[in-house]
Amino acid sequence: MKPALFVGILLIIVGVLSLAYQGITYTTKEKALDLGPLQITTETDHTIPLPPILGALALAGGVVLLVANKR
């Protein structure tokens, strides 16, 4: 498999996933209270937004690489 073909397919997959999910969400746990055996933790959700133009550019770049690889 040629490297350009592999990168093109990978860019298409990343572009489609980026357009579908619109961001990455993760959860962190923090100690809110620590009094000996009594511990209270809180969970906070964080979101890293992915602009749609990023997904579109990755998708277009993957298609260009696949077309260029055919020639």
C-alpha atoms as a PDB file:
ATOM      1  CA  MET A   1       0.000   0.000   0.000  1.00  0.00           C
ATOM      2  CA  LYS A   2       1.393   3.366  -0.985  1.00  0.00           C
ATOM      3  CA  PRO A   3       1.835   5.951   1.789  1.00  0.00           C
ATOM      4  CA  ALA A   4      -0.227   8.588  -0.058  1.00  0.00           C
ATOM      5  CA  LEU A   5      -3.144   6.157  -0.342  1.00  0.00           C
ATOM      6  CA  PHE A   6      -2.971   5.339   3.376  1.00  0.00           C
ATOM      7  CA  VAL A   7      -2.790   9.024   4.383  1.00  0.00           C
ATOM      8  CA  GLY A   8      -5.674   9.861   2.029  1.00  0.00           C
ATOM      9  CA  ILE A   9      -7.923   7.203   3.550  1.00  0.00           C
ATOM     10  CA  LEU A  10      -6.919   8.294   7.067  1.00  0.00           C
ATOM     11  CA  LEU A  11      -7.749  11.951   6.267  1.00  0.00           C
ATOM     12  CA  ILE A  12     -11.164  10.967   4.905  1.00  0.00           C
ATOM     13  CA  ILE A  13     -11.953   8.998   8.061  1.00  0.00           C
ATOM     14  CA  VAL A  14     -10.793  11.842  10.327  1.00  0.00           C
ATOM     15  CA  GLY A  15     -12.771  14.374   8.284  1.00  0.00           C
ATOM     16  CA  VAL A  16     -16.002  12.374   8.443  1.00  0.00           C
ATOM     17  CA  LEU A  17     -15.620  11.771  12.194  1.00  0.00           C
ATOM     18  CA  SER A  18     -14.869  15.448  12.793  1.00  0.00           C
ATOM     19  CA  LEU A  19     -17.982  16.508  10.900  1.00  0.00           C
ATOM     20  CA  ALA A  20     -20.107  13.935  12.715  1.00  0.00           C
ATOM     21  CA  TYR A  21     -19.039  14.621  16.306  1.00  0.00           C
ATOM     22  CA  GLN A  22     -18.227  18.384  16.211  1.00  0.00           C
ATOM     23  CA  GLY A  23     -15.897  18.092  19.214  1.00  0.00           C
ATOM     24  CA  ILE A  24     -14.069  15.972  21.743  1.00  0.00           C
ATOM     25  CA  THR A  25     -15.512  15.632  25.256  1.00  0.00           C
ATOM     26  CA  TYR A  26     -13.629  14.340  28.257  1.00  0.00           C
ATOM     27  CA  THR A  27     -14.273  14.171  32.018  1.00  0.00           C
ATOM     28  CA  THR A  28     -11.948  15.085  34.870  1.00  0.00           C
ATOM     29  CA  LYS A  29     -12.318  14.244  38.550  1.00  0.00           C
ATOM     30  CA  GLU A  30     -11.283  16.749  41.220  1.00  0.00           C
ATOM     31  CA  LYS A  31     -11.298  16.532  45.003  1.00  0.00           C
ATOM     32  CA  ALA A  32     -13.816  18.996  46.392  1.00  0.00           C
ATOM     33  CA  LEU A  33     -13.444  18.030  50.058  1.00  0.00           C
ATOM     34  CA  ASP A  34     -10.880  15.913  51.873  1.00  0.00           C
ATOM     35  CA  LEU A  35     -11.496  15.490  55.610  1.00  0.00           C
ATOM     36  CA  GLY A  36      -9.638  12.347  56.630  1.00  0.00           C
ATOM     37  CA  PRO A  37     -11.774   9.350  55.659  1.00  0.00           C
ATOM     38  CA  LEU A  38     -14.439  11.621  54.129  1.00  0.00           C
ATOM     39  CA  GLN A  39     -13.648  12.524  50.546  1.00  0.00           C
ATOM     40  CA  ILE A  40     -15.935  14.231  48.071  1.00  0.00           C
ATOM     41  CA  THR A  41     -15.022  14.407  44.396  1.00  0.00           C
ATOM     42  CA  THR A  42     -16.644  16.257  41.543  1.00  0.00           C
ATOM     43  CA  GLU A  43     -16.693  15.340  37.882  1.00  0.00           C
ATOM     44  CA  THR A  44     -16.351  18.126  35.341  1.00  0.00           C
ATOM     45  CA  ASP A  45     -17.019  17.697  31.626  1.00  0.00           C
ATOM     46  CA  HIS A  46     -14.751  19.571  29.224  1.00  0.00           C
ATOM     47  CA  THR A  47     -15.317  19.958  25.490  1.00  0.00           C
ATOM     48  CA  ILE A  48     -12.750  20.777  22.825  1.00  0.00           C
ATOM     49  CA  PRO A  49     -14.774  22.108  19.883  1.00  0.00           C
ATOM     50  CA  LEU A  50     -13.739  21.131  16.356  1.00  0.00           C
ATOM     51  CA  PRO A  51     -14.761  23.643  13.709  1.00  0.00           C
ATOM     52  CA  PRO A  52     -16.616  22.160  10.727  1.00  0.00           C
ATOM     53  CA  ILE A  53     -14.117  23.756   8.334  1.00  0.00           C
ATOM     54  CA  LEU A  54     -11.410  21.530   9.846  1.00  0.00           C
ATOM     55  CA  GLY A  55     -13.387  18.392   9.023  1.00  0.00           C
ATOM     56  CA  ALA A  56     -14.181  19.654   5.538  1.00  0.00           C
ATOM     57  CA  LEU A  57     -10.509  20.430   4.844  1.00  0.00           C
ATOM     58  CA  ALA A  58      -9.407  16.988   6.063  1.00  0.00           C
ATOM     59  CA  LEU A  59     -12.079  15.325   3.912  1.00  0.00           C
ATOM     60  CA  ALA A  60     -11.130  17.367   0.831  1.00  0.00           C
ATOM     61  CA  GLY A  61      -7.421  16.715   1.391  1.00  0.00           C
ATOM     62  CA  GLY A  62      -8.043  12.977   1.596  1.00  0.00           C
ATOM     63  CA  VAL A  63     -10.041  12.986  -1.625  1.00  0.00           C
ATOM     64  CA  VAL A  64      -7.316  14.991  -3.388  1.00  0.00           C
ATOM     65  CA  LEU A  65      -4.679  12.514  -2.234  1.00  0.00           C
ATOM     66  CA  LEU A  66      -6.731   9.558  -3.455  1.00  0.00           C
ATOM     67  CA  VAL A  67      -7.340  11.164  -6.854  1.00  0.00           C
ATOM     68  CA  ALA A  68      -3.678  12.156  -7.203  1.00  0.00           C
ATOM     69  CA  ASN A  69      -2.619   8.630  -6.262  1.00  0.00           C
ATOM     70  CA  LYS A  70      -4.758   7.109  -9.052  1.00  0.00           C
ATOM     71  CA  ARG A  71      -2.761   8.922 -11.709  1.00  0.00           C
END
